[in-house]
Amino acid sequence: MNNSISIVRNYICTAAFITGCCFVCGCENDMGTINNWTKRVTKKDEARDVISYLSQEGIMKAKLTAPLMYRVSSDTVYAEFPNTLHIDFYDDSTKIDTRLDCKYAKYFENLDKAYLRDSVIVISVKGDTLKAPDLWWDQRTKLFYTDKYAEYHAKGKNIYGGKGLEAAQDMSTVTFKEPTGVVQVSDSGVLQ
């Protein structure tokens, strides 16, 4: 009986040794293969003459037009507009309430935010105009904001903000940080 236990033990040890050798020999990879498996991959799609509509809950919110768009899938997914961007924003009755133009934009899909730069101009249907060298747009809160210089022009108002601003998408409210400028007031001192 001891002899048969000894034979079984030898078979188990031999099998374990051979299996271990297979694992040791099988674990060798060259660095090129490892680098190919672990390198970061960036995918880039290109679209020309882009016309895109944004709707929320079945209601049209915006129409975007651009001559060129790159959609980049990397750590962060974003759409880049390197050769101008125009957006018409719509109110709840699908009438245009604001227009936006800029020379460059980058929309971060996961954040629902867009970075706009180079001659950013926002014009409301009333003619109120917002100008800034760069501006952020938050799709969720429907706000434009910046920490840099910006200008706001409306009938009887020319306001300049050296430290930035926050404005509603339809420009119904505009709040400046450290503003300067000229504002017309009535004889009673109320803003017109």
N, C-alpha and C. Protein backbone atom coordinates (compact mmCIF):
# COMPACT_ATOMS: atom_id res chain seq x y z
N MET A 1 0.82 -1.19 0.00
CA MET A 1 0.00 0.00 0.00
C MET A 1 0.87 1.26 0.00
N ASN A 2 1.92 1.24 0.77
CA ASN A 2 2.83 2.38 0.78
C ASN A 2 3.47 2.58 -0.58
N ASN A 3 3.72 1.49 -1.27
CA ASN A 3 4.36 1.56 -2.58
C ASN A 3 3.41 2.23 -3.58
N SER A 4 2.11 1.93 -3.56
CA SER A 4 1.16 2.53 -4.50
C SER A 4 0.95 4.01 -4.19
N ILE A 5 0.98 4.39 -2.91
CA ILE A 5 0.87 5.81 -2.54
C ILE A 5 2.10 6.54 -3.03
N SER A 6 3.24 5.92 -2.94
CA SER A 6 4.48 6.54 -3.40
C SER A 6 4.45 6.74 -4.91
N ILE A 7 3.91 5.79 -5.66
CA ILE A 7 3.83 5.91 -7.13
C ILE A 7 2.87 7.03 -7.50
N VAL A 8 1.71 7.10 -6.84
CA VAL A 8 0.74 8.17 -7.11
C VAL A 8 1.35 9.53 -6.79
N ARG A 9 2.06 9.60 -5.68
CA ARG A 9 2.71 10.85 -5.28
C ARG A 9 3.73 11.26 -6.35
N ASN A 10 4.50 10.33 -6.89
CA ASN A 10 5.49 10.63 -7.93
C ASN A 10 4.80 11.13 -9.20
N TYR A 11 3.66 10.49 -9.57
CA TYR A 11 2.92 10.95 -10.76
C TYR A 11 2.41 12.38 -10.56
N ILE A 12 1.89 12.68 -9.37
CA ILE A 12 1.36 14.03 -9.10
C ILE A 12 2.48 15.05 -9.13
N CYS A 13 3.61 14.73 -8.54
CA CYS A 13 4.75 15.66 -8.55
C CYS A 13 5.26 15.87 -9.96
N THR A 14 5.33 14.82 -10.76
CA THR A 14 5.79 14.94 -12.14
C THR A 14 4.83 15.80 -12.95
N ALA A 15 3.52 15.57 -12.78
CA ALA A 15 2.51 16.35 -13.50
C ALA A 15 2.58 17.82 -13.09
N ALA A 16 2.75 18.09 -11.81
CA ALA A 16 2.86 19.46 -11.32
C ALA A 16 4.11 20.13 -11.89
N PHE A 17 5.21 19.41 -11.97
CA PHE A 17 6.45 19.96 -12.51
C PHE A 17 6.29 20.31 -13.99
N ILE A 18 5.69 19.41 -14.78
CA ILE A 18 5.51 19.65 -16.21
C ILE A 18 4.55 20.83 -16.43
N THR A 19 3.45 20.89 -15.66
CA THR A 19 2.51 22.00 -15.77
C THR A 19 3.19 23.32 -15.42
N GLY A 20 3.99 23.33 -14.38
CA GLY A 20 4.72 24.53 -13.98
C GLY A 20 5.67 25.00 -15.06
N CYS A 21 6.33 24.06 -15.74
CA CYS A 21 7.23 24.42 -16.84
C CYS A 21 6.46 25.08 -17.98
N CYS A 22 5.24 24.58 -18.24
CA CYS A 22 4.41 25.17 -19.30
C CYS A 22 4.06 26.62 -18.97
N PHE A 23 3.72 26.86 -17.70
CA PHE A 23 3.39 28.23 -17.30
C PHE A 23 4.59 29.15 -17.42
N VAL A 24 5.74 28.69 -17.00
CA VAL A 24 6.95 29.52 -17.06
C VAL A 24 7.30 29.82 -18.50
N CYS A 25 7.24 28.83 -19.37
CA CYS A 25 7.58 29.04 -20.78
C CYS A 25 6.51 29.86 -21.49
N GLY A 26 5.26 29.72 -21.08
CA GLY A 26 4.17 30.42 -21.74
C GLY A 26 4.03 31.86 -21.31
N CYS A 27 4.70 32.34 -20.31
CA CYS A 27 4.54 33.69 -19.80
C CYS A 27 5.47 34.69 -20.43
N GLU A 28 6.22 34.29 -21.39
CA GLU A 28 7.18 35.21 -21.98
C GLU A 28 6.54 35.94 -23.16
N ASN A 29 6.46 37.29 -23.09
CA ASN A 29 5.96 38.13 -24.18
C ASN A 29 7.03 39.13 -24.53
N ASP A 30 7.09 39.47 -25.81
CA ASP A 30 8.06 40.51 -26.15
C ASP A 30 7.43 41.87 -25.85
N MET A 31 8.22 42.88 -25.64
CA MET A 31 7.76 44.20 -25.23
C MET A 31 6.86 44.84 -26.28
N GLY A 32 7.08 44.55 -27.56
CA GLY A 32 6.24 45.09 -28.61
C GLY A 32 4.80 44.64 -28.47
N THR A 33 4.60 43.37 -28.16
CA THR A 33 3.26 42.83 -27.97
C THR A 33 2.59 43.48 -26.75
N ILE A 34 3.32 43.60 -25.66
CA ILE A 34 2.78 44.22 -24.45
C ILE A 34 2.40 45.67 -24.71
N ASN A 35 3.28 46.41 -25.41
CA ASN A 35 2.99 47.81 -25.72
C ASN A 35 1.76 47.94 -26.62
N ASN A 36 1.59 47.05 -27.58
CA ASN A 36 0.41 47.10 -28.45
C ASN A 36 -0.87 46.86 -27.66
N TRP A 37 -0.82 46.00 -26.66
CA TRP A 37 -2.02 45.72 -25.86
C TRP A 37 -2.35 46.86 -24.90
N THR A 38 -1.35 47.59 -24.44
CA THR A 38 -1.58 48.59 -23.39
C THR A 38 -1.50 50.03 -23.87
N LYS A 39 -1.16 50.29 -25.13
CA LYS A 39 -1.04 51.69 -25.57
C LYS A 39 -2.40 52.34 -25.68
N ARG A 40 -2.43 53.65 -25.51
CA ARG A 40 -3.66 54.42 -25.63
C ARG A 40 -4.00 54.56 -27.11
N VAL A 41 -5.25 54.36 -27.41
CA VAL A 41 -5.71 54.44 -28.79
C VAL A 41 -6.62 55.65 -28.92
N THR A 42 -6.37 56.47 -29.92
CA THR A 42 -7.21 57.62 -30.21
C THR A 42 -7.84 57.40 -31.58
N LYS A 43 -9.16 57.45 -31.61
CA LYS A 43 -9.89 57.31 -32.87
C LYS A 43 -10.38 58.69 -33.27
N LYS A 44 -10.25 59.01 -34.56
CA LYS A 44 -10.64 60.33 -35.03
C LYS A 44 -11.46 60.19 -36.30
N ASP A 45 -12.71 60.65 -36.24
CA ASP A 45 -13.60 60.66 -37.39
C ASP A 45 -13.69 62.09 -37.91
N GLU A 46 -13.88 62.25 -39.20
CA GLU A 46 -13.97 63.57 -39.82
C GLU A 46 -15.28 63.70 -40.56
N ALA A 47 -15.91 64.87 -40.43
CA ALA A 47 -17.14 65.17 -41.16
C ALA A 47 -17.01 66.56 -41.76
N ARG A 48 -17.53 66.72 -42.96
CA ARG A 48 -17.48 68.03 -43.65
C ARG A 48 -18.90 68.51 -43.90
N ASP A 49 -19.04 69.85 -43.97
CA ASP A 49 -20.33 70.50 -44.20
C ASP A 49 -21.39 69.95 -43.24
N VAL A 50 -21.10 70.10 -41.96
CA VAL A 50 -21.92 69.53 -40.90
C VAL A 50 -23.14 70.40 -40.63
N ILE A 51 -24.30 69.76 -40.56
CA ILE A 51 -25.53 70.38 -40.08
C ILE A 51 -26.10 69.40 -39.07
N SER A 52 -26.23 69.85 -37.82
CA SER A 52 -26.68 68.96 -36.75
C SER A 52 -27.74 69.66 -35.93
N TYR A 53 -28.73 68.90 -35.51
CA TYR A 53 -29.81 69.44 -34.70
C TYR A 53 -29.74 68.84 -33.30
N LEU A 54 -29.95 69.68 -32.30
CA LEU A 54 -29.97 69.24 -30.91
C LEU A 54 -31.40 69.36 -30.40
N SER A 55 -31.92 68.25 -29.88
CA SER A 55 -33.25 68.30 -29.29
C SER A 55 -33.19 67.67 -27.91
N GLN A 56 -34.06 68.12 -27.04
CA GLN A 56 -34.20 67.56 -25.70
C GLN A 56 -35.67 67.30 -25.45
N GLU A 57 -35.97 66.06 -25.07
CA GLU A 57 -37.35 65.66 -24.81
C GLU A 57 -38.26 65.97 -26.00
N GLY A 58 -37.74 65.76 -27.20
CA GLY A 58 -38.53 65.96 -28.41
C GLY A 58 -38.70 67.39 -28.85
N ILE A 59 -38.03 68.33 -28.20
CA ILE A 59 -38.15 69.75 -28.55
C ILE A 59 -36.83 70.22 -29.12
N MET A 60 -36.89 70.86 -30.30
CA MET A 60 -35.69 71.37 -30.96
C MET A 60 -35.08 72.47 -30.12
N LYS A 61 -33.78 72.34 -29.81
CA LYS A 61 -33.09 73.33 -28.98
C LYS A 61 -32.03 74.11 -29.74
N ALA A 62 -31.41 73.50 -30.78
CA ALA A 62 -30.35 74.21 -31.48
C ALA A 62 -30.08 73.57 -32.84
N LYS A 63 -29.55 74.38 -33.74
CA LYS A 63 -29.07 73.92 -35.05
C LYS A 63 -27.63 74.37 -35.17
N LEU A 64 -26.76 73.43 -35.43
CA LEU A 64 -25.32 73.68 -35.51
C LEU A 64 -24.87 73.49 -36.95
N THR A 65 -24.07 74.43 -37.47
CA THR A 65 -23.48 74.28 -38.79
C THR A 65 -21.99 74.58 -38.70
N ALA A 66 -21.21 73.76 -39.41
CA ALA A 66 -19.75 73.93 -39.42
C ALA A 66 -19.20 73.31 -40.69
N PRO A 67 -18.15 73.90 -41.25
CA PRO A 67 -17.55 73.32 -42.46
C PRO A 67 -16.75 72.05 -42.19
N LEU A 68 -16.26 71.87 -40.95
CA LEU A 68 -15.42 70.72 -40.62
C LEU A 68 -15.60 70.36 -39.16
N MET A 69 -15.70 69.05 -38.90
CA MET A 69 -15.81 68.57 -37.52
C MET A 69 -14.99 67.30 -37.38
N TYR A 70 -14.24 67.23 -36.28
CA TYR A 70 -13.55 66.00 -35.92
C TYR A 70 -14.22 65.46 -34.66
N ARG A 71 -14.54 64.18 -34.66
CA ARG A 71 -15.03 63.53 -33.44
C ARG A 71 -13.91 62.62 -32.96
N VAL A 72 -13.40 62.92 -31.78
CA VAL A 72 -12.23 62.23 -31.25
C VAL A 72 -12.65 61.37 -30.06
N SER A 73 -12.29 60.08 -30.13
CA SER A 73 -12.54 59.15 -29.03
C SER A 73 -11.20 58.79 -28.41
N SER A 74 -10.98 59.26 -27.22
CA SER A 74 -9.74 59.01 -26.49
C SER A 74 -10.14 58.85 -25.03
N ASP A 75 -9.31 59.34 -24.12
CA ASP A 75 -9.70 59.34 -22.71
C ASP A 75 -10.99 60.13 -22.52
N THR A 76 -11.11 61.23 -23.24
CA THR A 76 -12.30 62.07 -23.24
C THR A 76 -12.84 62.12 -24.66
N VAL A 77 -14.13 61.93 -24.82
CA VAL A 77 -14.75 62.00 -26.14
C VAL A 77 -15.17 63.44 -26.38
N TYR A 78 -14.75 63.99 -27.54
CA TYR A 78 -15.13 65.36 -27.85
C TYR A 78 -15.28 65.55 -29.35
N ALA A 79 -16.00 66.60 -29.71
CA ALA A 79 -16.14 67.03 -31.10
C ALA A 79 -15.40 68.35 -31.22
N GLU A 80 -14.57 68.45 -32.24
CA GLU A 80 -13.76 69.65 -32.45
C GLU A 80 -14.16 70.31 -33.76
N PHE A 81 -14.32 71.63 -33.72
CA PHE A 81 -14.70 72.42 -34.89
C PHE A 81 -13.58 73.43 -35.14
N PRO A 82 -12.59 73.08 -35.95
CA PRO A 82 -11.41 73.95 -36.11
C PRO A 82 -11.59 75.11 -37.09
N ASN A 83 -12.63 75.07 -37.94
CA ASN A 83 -12.79 76.09 -38.98
C ASN A 83 -14.12 76.80 -38.90
N THR A 84 -14.46 77.34 -37.80
CA THR A 84 -15.69 78.10 -37.52
C THR A 84 -16.85 77.20 -37.11
N LEU A 85 -17.74 77.82 -36.37
CA LEU A 85 -18.95 77.16 -35.88
C LEU A 85 -20.04 78.21 -35.79
N HIS A 86 -21.25 77.84 -36.22
CA HIS A 86 -22.42 78.71 -36.07
C HIS A 86 -23.52 77.88 -35.42
N ILE A 87 -24.17 78.46 -34.40
CA ILE A 87 -25.28 77.78 -33.73
C ILE A 87 -26.46 78.73 -33.62
N ASP A 88 -27.64 78.25 -34.00
CA ASP A 88 -28.90 78.94 -33.74
C ASP A 88 -29.55 78.23 -32.57
N PHE A 89 -29.78 78.95 -31.47
CA PHE A 89 -30.47 78.40 -30.31
C PHE A 89 -31.96 78.75 -30.41
N TYR A 90 -32.81 77.78 -30.07
CA TYR A 90 -34.25 77.97 -30.18
C TYR A 90 -34.90 78.05 -28.80
N ASP A 91 -36.00 78.84 -28.72
CA ASP A 91 -36.78 78.87 -27.48
C ASP A 91 -37.76 77.69 -27.49
N ASP A 92 -38.64 77.62 -26.50
CA ASP A 92 -39.56 76.49 -26.39
C ASP A 92 -40.57 76.41 -27.53
N SER A 93 -40.81 77.52 -28.23
CA SER A 93 -41.73 77.49 -29.37
C SER A 93 -40.96 77.35 -30.70
N THR A 94 -39.73 76.89 -30.63
CA THR A 94 -38.82 76.64 -31.77
C THR A 94 -38.58 77.87 -32.64
N LYS A 95 -38.53 79.01 -32.00
CA LYS A 95 -38.12 80.24 -32.69
C LYS A 95 -36.71 80.57 -32.23
N ILE A 96 -35.90 81.07 -33.13
CA ILE A 96 -34.52 81.42 -32.79
C ILE A 96 -34.53 82.53 -31.76
N ASP A 97 -33.82 82.30 -30.63
CA ASP A 97 -33.71 83.37 -29.63
C ASP A 97 -32.28 83.88 -29.50
N THR A 98 -31.30 83.10 -29.94
CA THR A 98 -29.90 83.51 -29.85
C THR A 98 -29.10 82.86 -30.97
N ARG A 99 -28.10 83.61 -31.45
CA ARG A 99 -27.16 83.08 -32.46
C ARG A 99 -25.75 83.17 -31.91
N LEU A 100 -24.93 82.19 -32.26
CA LEU A 100 -23.55 82.16 -31.79
C LEU A 100 -22.63 81.89 -32.97
N ASP A 101 -21.52 82.63 -33.02
CA ASP A 101 -20.48 82.39 -34.02
C ASP A 101 -19.12 82.42 -33.34
N CYS A 102 -18.23 81.54 -33.78
CA CYS A 102 -16.84 81.57 -33.31
C CYS A 102 -15.97 80.88 -34.36
N LYS A 103 -14.68 81.07 -34.25
CA LYS A 103 -13.75 80.48 -35.21
C LYS A 103 -13.27 79.09 -34.81
N TYR A 104 -13.41 78.74 -33.52
CA TYR A 104 -12.97 77.43 -33.04
C TYR A 104 -13.86 77.00 -31.87
N ALA A 105 -14.17 75.70 -31.81
CA ALA A 105 -14.96 75.18 -30.68
C ALA A 105 -14.58 73.73 -30.42
N LYS A 106 -14.75 73.34 -29.17
CA LYS A 106 -14.52 71.95 -28.76
C LYS A 106 -15.64 71.59 -27.78
N TYR A 107 -16.45 70.58 -28.16
CA TYR A 107 -17.58 70.15 -27.34
C TYR A 107 -17.24 68.84 -26.64
N PHE A 108 -17.28 68.86 -25.31
CA PHE A 108 -16.96 67.68 -24.50
C PHE A 108 -18.26 66.95 -24.19
N GLU A 109 -18.44 65.79 -24.84
CA GLU A 109 -19.71 65.07 -24.76
C GLU A 109 -20.07 64.63 -23.35
N ASN A 110 -19.12 64.12 -22.60
CA ASN A 110 -19.42 63.61 -21.25
C ASN A 110 -19.76 64.73 -20.28
N LEU A 111 -19.29 65.93 -20.54
CA LEU A 111 -19.54 67.07 -19.65
C LEU A 111 -20.72 67.93 -20.09
N ASP A 112 -21.17 67.76 -21.33
CA ASP A 112 -22.19 68.63 -21.93
C ASP A 112 -21.76 70.09 -21.89
N LYS A 113 -20.47 70.32 -22.18
CA LYS A 113 -19.92 71.68 -22.20
C LYS A 113 -19.11 71.89 -23.47
N ALA A 114 -19.09 73.15 -23.92
CA ALA A 114 -18.31 73.50 -25.09
C ALA A 114 -17.39 74.66 -24.76
N TYR A 115 -16.15 74.55 -25.24
CA TYR A 115 -15.18 75.65 -25.13
C TYR A 115 -15.17 76.35 -26.48
N LEU A 116 -15.44 77.65 -26.48
CA LEU A 116 -15.51 78.46 -27.69
C LEU A 116 -14.39 79.50 -27.64
N ARG A 117 -13.72 79.70 -28.77
CA ARG A 117 -12.66 80.71 -28.75
C ARG A 117 -12.49 81.34 -30.13
N ASP A 118 -11.74 82.41 -30.13
CA ASP A 118 -11.43 83.18 -31.34
C ASP A 118 -12.67 83.88 -31.88
N SER A 119 -12.82 85.13 -31.49
CA SER A 119 -13.90 85.99 -31.99
C SER A 119 -15.28 85.43 -31.69
N VAL A 120 -15.53 85.11 -30.45
CA VAL A 120 -16.83 84.57 -30.06
C VAL A 120 -17.84 85.72 -29.99
N ILE A 121 -18.96 85.55 -30.69
CA ILE A 121 -20.03 86.56 -30.70
C ILE A 121 -21.36 85.84 -30.48
N VAL A 122 -22.13 86.33 -29.50
CA VAL A 122 -23.47 85.81 -29.23
C VAL A 122 -24.43 86.98 -29.39
N ILE A 123 -25.47 86.79 -30.21
CA ILE A 123 -26.43 87.86 -30.48
C ILE A 123 -27.83 87.34 -30.21
N SER A 124 -28.58 88.06 -29.37
CA SER A 124 -29.97 87.67 -29.09
C SER A 124 -30.90 88.26 -30.15
N VAL A 125 -32.15 87.81 -30.20
CA VAL A 125 -33.11 88.34 -31.18
C VAL A 125 -33.40 89.82 -30.92
N LYS A 126 -33.19 90.29 -29.68
CA LYS A 126 -33.40 91.70 -29.37
C LYS A 126 -32.22 92.55 -29.84
N GLY A 127 -31.15 91.91 -30.27
CA GLY A 127 -29.97 92.64 -30.72
C GLY A 127 -28.89 92.78 -29.66
N ASP A 128 -29.12 92.26 -28.45
CA ASP A 128 -28.09 92.28 -27.41
C ASP A 128 -26.91 91.44 -27.91
N THR A 129 -25.70 91.97 -27.72
CA THR A 129 -24.52 91.32 -28.26
C THR A 129 -23.48 91.09 -27.18
N LEU A 130 -22.95 89.89 -27.14
CA LEU A 130 -21.91 89.50 -26.21
C LEU A 130 -20.69 89.11 -27.03
N LYS A 131 -19.52 89.72 -26.71
CA LYS A 131 -18.29 89.42 -27.42
C LYS A 131 -17.23 89.00 -26.40
N ALA A 132 -16.46 87.98 -26.77
CA ALA A 132 -15.39 87.51 -25.87
C ALA A 132 -14.34 86.78 -26.69
N PRO A 133 -13.08 86.82 -26.24
CA PRO A 133 -12.05 86.05 -26.93
C PRO A 133 -12.23 84.54 -26.72
N ASP A 134 -12.74 84.16 -25.56
CA ASP A 134 -13.11 82.76 -25.34
C ASP A 134 -14.24 82.70 -24.32
N LEU A 135 -15.00 81.62 -24.41
CA LEU A 135 -16.23 81.50 -23.64
C LEU A 135 -16.54 80.02 -23.47
N TRP A 136 -17.15 79.67 -22.35
CA TRP A 136 -17.65 78.32 -22.14
C TRP A 136 -19.16 78.35 -22.25
N TRP A 137 -19.74 77.27 -22.77
CA TRP A 137 -21.18 77.11 -22.81
C TRP A 137 -21.53 75.80 -22.12
N ASP A 138 -22.41 75.89 -21.12
CA ASP A 138 -22.86 74.71 -20.39
C ASP A 138 -24.26 74.35 -20.89
N GLN A 139 -24.36 73.22 -21.54
CA GLN A 139 -25.63 72.81 -22.13
C GLN A 139 -26.68 72.52 -21.07
N ARG A 140 -26.29 71.96 -19.94
CA ARG A 140 -27.25 71.61 -18.88
C ARG A 140 -27.86 72.84 -18.23
N THR A 141 -27.02 73.81 -17.89
CA THR A 141 -27.51 75.01 -17.20
C THR A 141 -27.91 76.12 -18.16
N LYS A 142 -27.59 75.96 -19.45
CA LYS A 142 -27.88 76.96 -20.48
C LYS A 142 -27.24 78.30 -20.14
N LEU A 143 -25.96 78.23 -19.75
CA LEU A 143 -25.21 79.44 -19.40
C LEU A 143 -23.94 79.55 -20.23
N PHE A 144 -23.59 80.82 -20.55
CA PHE A 144 -22.28 81.15 -21.08
C PHE A 144 -21.48 81.73 -19.92
N TYR A 145 -20.18 81.42 -19.87
CA TYR A 145 -19.36 82.02 -18.82
C TYR A 145 -17.90 82.07 -19.24
N THR A 146 -17.18 82.99 -18.61
CA THR A 146 -15.75 83.14 -18.82
C THR A 146 -15.15 83.86 -17.62
N ASP A 147 -13.86 83.68 -17.42
CA ASP A 147 -13.12 84.42 -16.39
C ASP A 147 -12.24 85.49 -17.03
N LYS A 148 -12.41 85.70 -18.32
CA LYS A 148 -11.59 86.66 -19.05
C LYS A 148 -12.43 87.86 -19.48
N TYR A 149 -11.80 88.76 -20.14
CA TYR A 149 -12.44 89.98 -20.64
C TYR A 149 -13.62 89.64 -21.54
N ALA A 150 -14.70 90.40 -21.41
CA ALA A 150 -15.87 90.24 -22.27
C ALA A 150 -16.59 91.57 -22.40
N GLU A 151 -17.37 91.71 -23.46
CA GLU A 151 -18.15 92.93 -23.71
C GLU A 151 -19.61 92.55 -23.90
N TYR A 152 -20.49 93.46 -23.43
CA TYR A 152 -21.92 93.29 -23.63
C TYR A 152 -22.47 94.62 -24.15
N HIS A 153 -23.14 94.55 -25.30
CA HIS A 153 -23.71 95.75 -25.90
C HIS A 153 -25.21 95.53 -26.11
N ALA A 154 -26.00 96.48 -25.65
CA ALA A 154 -27.45 96.47 -25.85
C ALA A 154 -27.89 97.92 -25.99
N LYS A 155 -29.12 98.12 -26.28
CA LYS A 155 -29.62 99.49 -26.44
C LYS A 155 -29.36 100.27 -25.15
N GLY A 156 -28.53 101.28 -25.25
CA GLY A 156 -28.21 102.13 -24.10
C GLY A 156 -27.23 101.52 -23.12
N LYS A 157 -26.62 100.38 -23.44
CA LYS A 157 -25.69 99.72 -22.52
C LYS A 157 -24.44 99.26 -23.27
N ASN A 158 -23.31 99.62 -22.73
CA ASN A 158 -22.02 99.13 -23.20
C ASN A 158 -21.23 98.77 -21.95
N ILE A 159 -21.18 97.49 -21.64
CA ILE A 159 -20.55 97.03 -20.41
C ILE A 159 -19.33 96.18 -20.76
N TYR A 160 -18.24 96.43 -20.04
CA TYR A 160 -16.99 95.71 -20.27
C TYR A 160 -16.58 95.06 -18.96
N GLY A 161 -16.24 93.80 -19.01
CA GLY A 161 -15.86 93.08 -17.79
C GLY A 161 -14.46 92.52 -17.92
N GLY A 162 -13.56 93.04 -17.13
CA GLY A 162 -12.18 92.58 -17.17
C GLY A 162 -11.95 91.24 -16.50
N LYS A 163 -12.85 90.82 -15.63
CA LYS A 163 -12.68 89.56 -14.89
C LYS A 163 -13.73 88.52 -15.27
N GLY A 164 -14.46 88.73 -16.36
CA GLY A 164 -15.38 87.72 -16.84
C GLY A 164 -16.83 88.02 -16.59
N LEU A 165 -17.67 87.02 -16.97
CA LEU A 165 -19.11 87.17 -16.85
C LEU A 165 -19.78 85.82 -16.84
N GLU A 166 -21.07 85.87 -16.52
CA GLU A 166 -21.96 84.72 -16.65
C GLU A 166 -23.24 85.24 -17.27
N ALA A 167 -23.72 84.58 -18.33
CA ALA A 167 -24.91 85.04 -19.04
C ALA A 167 -25.81 83.86 -19.36
N ALA A 168 -27.13 84.11 -19.27
CA ALA A 168 -28.10 83.10 -19.69
C ALA A 168 -27.97 82.91 -21.19
N GLN A 169 -28.29 81.74 -21.68
CA GLN A 169 -28.16 81.43 -23.10
C GLN A 169 -28.96 82.39 -23.97
N ASP A 170 -30.14 82.84 -23.49
CA ASP A 170 -30.95 83.79 -24.25
C ASP A 170 -30.60 85.24 -23.90
N MET A 171 -29.60 85.41 -23.07
CA MET A 171 -29.09 86.71 -22.61
C MET A 171 -30.15 87.52 -21.86
N SER A 172 -31.10 86.84 -21.24
CA SER A 172 -32.08 87.54 -20.40
C SER A 172 -31.42 88.07 -19.13
N THR A 173 -30.35 87.42 -18.69
CA THR A 173 -29.55 87.93 -17.57
C THR A 173 -28.08 87.85 -17.94
N VAL A 174 -27.34 88.88 -17.57
CA VAL A 174 -25.89 88.93 -17.78
C VAL A 174 -25.29 89.49 -16.51
N THR A 175 -24.36 88.73 -15.91
CA THR A 175 -23.72 89.16 -14.67
C THR A 175 -22.22 89.27 -14.91
N PHE A 176 -21.68 90.49 -14.70
CA PHE A 176 -20.26 90.73 -14.91
C PHE A 176 -19.50 90.68 -13.60
N LYS A 177 -18.23 90.32 -13.69
CA LYS A 177 -17.31 90.41 -12.56
C LYS A 177 -16.46 91.65 -12.81
N GLU A 178 -16.49 92.59 -11.89
CA GLU A 178 -15.74 93.85 -11.98
C GLU A 178 -16.01 94.58 -13.30
N PRO A 179 -17.27 94.97 -13.54
CA PRO A 179 -17.60 95.63 -14.81
C PRO A 179 -17.23 97.11 -14.83
N THR A 180 -17.06 97.60 -16.04
CA THR A 180 -16.94 99.04 -16.29
C THR A 180 -17.78 99.32 -17.53
N GLY A 181 -18.22 100.58 -17.69
CA GLY A 181 -18.96 100.89 -18.90
C GLY A 181 -19.95 102.00 -18.72
N VAL A 182 -20.76 102.16 -19.76
CA VAL A 182 -21.75 103.23 -19.80
C VAL A 182 -23.13 102.59 -19.88
N VAL A 183 -24.03 103.06 -18.99
CA VAL A 183 -25.40 102.56 -18.99
C VAL A 183 -26.33 103.76 -18.89
N GLN A 184 -27.35 103.78 -19.75
CA GLN A 184 -28.32 104.87 -19.69
C GLN A 184 -29.33 104.58 -18.58
N VAL A 185 -29.65 105.62 -17.83
CA VAL A 185 -30.66 105.50 -16.78
C VAL A 185 -31.73 106.57 -17.01
N SER A 186 -32.91 106.30 -16.49
CA SER A 186 -33.98 107.29 -16.62
C SER A 186 -33.72 108.44 -15.62
N ASP A 187 -34.55 109.46 -15.68
CA ASP A 187 -34.40 110.59 -14.77
C ASP A 187 -34.54 110.17 -13.32
N SER A 188 -35.28 109.07 -13.08
CA SER A 188 -35.47 108.59 -11.71
C SER A 188 -34.31 107.69 -11.25
N GLY A 189 -33.35 107.41 -12.16
CA GLY A 189 -32.19 106.62 -11.78
C GLY A 189 -32.35 105.14 -12.06
N VAL A 190 -33.43 104.73 -12.72
CA VAL A 190 -33.67 103.33 -13.03
C VAL A 190 -33.04 102.99 -14.38
N LEU A 191 -32.43 101.79 -14.48
CA LEU A 191 -31.85 101.35 -15.75
C LEU A 191 -32.92 101.27 -16.82
N GLN A 192 -32.56 101.69 -18.01
CA GLN A 192 -33.51 101.59 -19.13
C GLN A 192 -33.25 100.36 -19.93
